[in-house]
Amino acid sequence: MGFGRLDVTREQLRFLIEASELENVKILVVPFGLGDYPASGQPISYVSGPVPELDTVILDSDHGCTFLDAAAQVSRYRSILDRMESCALTPRKSRDFIRRVAKET
């Protein structure tokens, strides 16, 4: 049993493929077979720019968003995301994976 309509799923996957081709977007897929990986189950957004002191981590939960900008907190989450990225497929392999899933859907 799936969630949502197939046409909606296909459109979402096409959007991810298009977004992944933008210069300022990196989409990485962590394979299901990997099991647990750093920060699994917790949505994390890391917002960065040309001024590192303004980097911010956004944690999303059912109670709302929490914004973290203290240097130690940002550093901790950057480390977690770096470890997560090391578990993921490369950007190109992630895009190929999404294309494959879109064709099978």
Protein backbone atom coordinates (compact mmCIF):
# COMPACT_ATOMS: atom_id res chain seq x y z
CA MET A 1 0.00 0.00 0.00
CA GLY A 2 1.42 3.36 -1.01
CA PHE A 3 0.82 6.91 0.07
CA GLY A 4 -0.79 9.41 -2.27
CA ARG A 5 -1.55 9.18 -5.96
CA LEU A 6 1.06 7.90 -8.40
CA ASP A 7 0.82 10.97 -10.63
CA VAL A 8 1.64 13.18 -7.63
CA THR A 9 4.58 10.94 -6.69
CA ARG A 10 5.93 11.06 -10.25
CA GLU A 11 5.66 14.86 -10.32
CA GLN A 12 7.48 15.12 -6.98
CA LEU A 13 10.27 12.89 -8.27
CA ARG A 14 10.55 14.96 -11.47
CA PHE A 15 10.80 18.10 -9.32
CA LEU A 16 13.64 16.54 -7.29
CA ILE A 17 15.48 15.60 -10.48
CA GLU A 18 15.15 19.15 -11.85
CA ALA A 19 16.17 20.70 -8.53
CA SER A 20 19.19 18.40 -8.28
CA GLU A 21 20.51 19.87 -11.53
CA LEU A 22 20.64 23.39 -10.08
CA GLU A 23 24.08 24.65 -9.13
CA ASN A 24 23.09 25.60 -5.58
CA VAL A 25 21.19 22.37 -4.75
CA LYS A 26 22.61 19.04 -3.68
CA ILE A 27 20.23 16.10 -3.24
CA LEU A 28 21.68 12.94 -1.75
CA VAL A 29 19.91 9.60 -1.32
CA VAL A 30 20.71 7.38 1.63
CA PRO A 31 19.92 3.77 0.63
CA PHE A 32 17.26 2.01 2.74
CA GLY A 33 19.49 -1.05 3.11
CA LEU A 34 22.00 0.97 5.07
CA GLY A 35 19.97 0.71 8.27
CA ASP A 36 20.64 3.37 10.87
CA TYR A 37 22.73 6.35 9.89
CA PRO A 38 23.63 9.59 11.69
CA ALA A 39 20.54 11.68 12.58
CA SER A 40 18.11 9.21 10.98
CA GLY A 41 14.55 10.18 11.76
CA GLN A 42 15.21 13.87 12.37
CA PRO A 43 14.69 16.50 9.67
CA ILE A 44 17.67 18.85 9.68
CA SER A 45 18.19 21.88 7.47
CA TYR A 46 21.62 23.49 7.41
CA VAL A 47 21.58 27.00 6.00
CA SER A 48 24.96 28.45 5.09
CA GLY A 49 26.34 31.26 3.05
CA PRO A 50 29.42 33.38 2.46
CA VAL A 51 29.53 34.49 6.12
CA PRO A 52 30.01 31.32 8.25
CA GLU A 53 29.03 33.17 11.45
CA LEU A 54 25.49 33.38 10.03
CA ASP A 55 25.14 29.63 9.43
CA THR A 56 22.00 28.27 11.05
CA VAL A 57 20.62 24.80 11.74
CA ILE A 58 16.86 24.30 11.59
CA LEU A 59 15.38 21.29 13.39
CA ASP A 60 11.81 20.46 12.43
CA SER A 61 9.43 18.60 14.74
CA ASP A 62 5.72 18.25 15.30
CA HIS A 63 6.03 21.07 17.85
CA GLY A 64 7.50 23.51 15.32
CA CYS A 65 10.95 24.56 14.22
CA THR A 66 13.99 25.20 16.37
CA PHE A 67 16.69 27.51 15.04
CA LEU A 68 20.25 26.95 16.27
CA ASP A 69 22.97 29.47 15.56
CA ALA A 70 25.49 29.07 18.38
CA ALA A 71 28.88 28.10 16.96
CA ALA A 72 29.13 24.88 19.00
CA GLN A 73 25.64 23.74 17.96
CA VAL A 74 26.21 24.55 14.30
CA SER A 75 29.56 22.74 14.39
CA ARG A 76 27.97 19.65 15.96
CA TYR A 77 25.27 19.44 13.31
CA ARG A 78 27.76 20.11 10.50
CA SER A 79 29.69 17.08 11.76
CA ILE A 80 26.51 14.96 11.87
CA LEU A 81 25.59 16.00 8.34
CA ASP A 82 29.12 15.28 7.10
CA ARG A 83 28.87 11.74 8.52
CA MET A 84 25.41 11.34 6.95
CA GLU A 85 26.75 12.52 3.60
CA SER A 86 29.49 9.91 3.75
CA CYS A 87 26.73 7.24 3.91
CA ALA A 88 24.79 8.63 0.93
CA LEU A 89 25.04 8.04 -2.78
CA THR A 90 26.91 10.70 -4.74
CA PRO A 91 24.79 13.50 -6.24
CA ARG A 92 24.95 11.85 -9.68
CA LYS A 93 24.09 8.38 -8.36
CA SER A 94 21.31 9.91 -6.26
CA ARG A 95 19.83 11.60 -9.36
CA ASP A 96 20.08 8.31 -11.29
CA PHE A 97 18.37 6.50 -8.42
CA ILE A 98 15.52 9.03 -8.38
CA ARG A 99 15.14 8.72 -12.17
CA ARG A 100 14.95 4.92 -11.84
CA VAL A 101 12.30 5.15 -9.13
CA ALA A 102 10.32 7.67 -11.21
CA LYS A 103 10.29 5.27 -14.18
CA GLU A 104 9.17 2.37 -11.98
CA THR A 105 6.41 4.42 -10.34
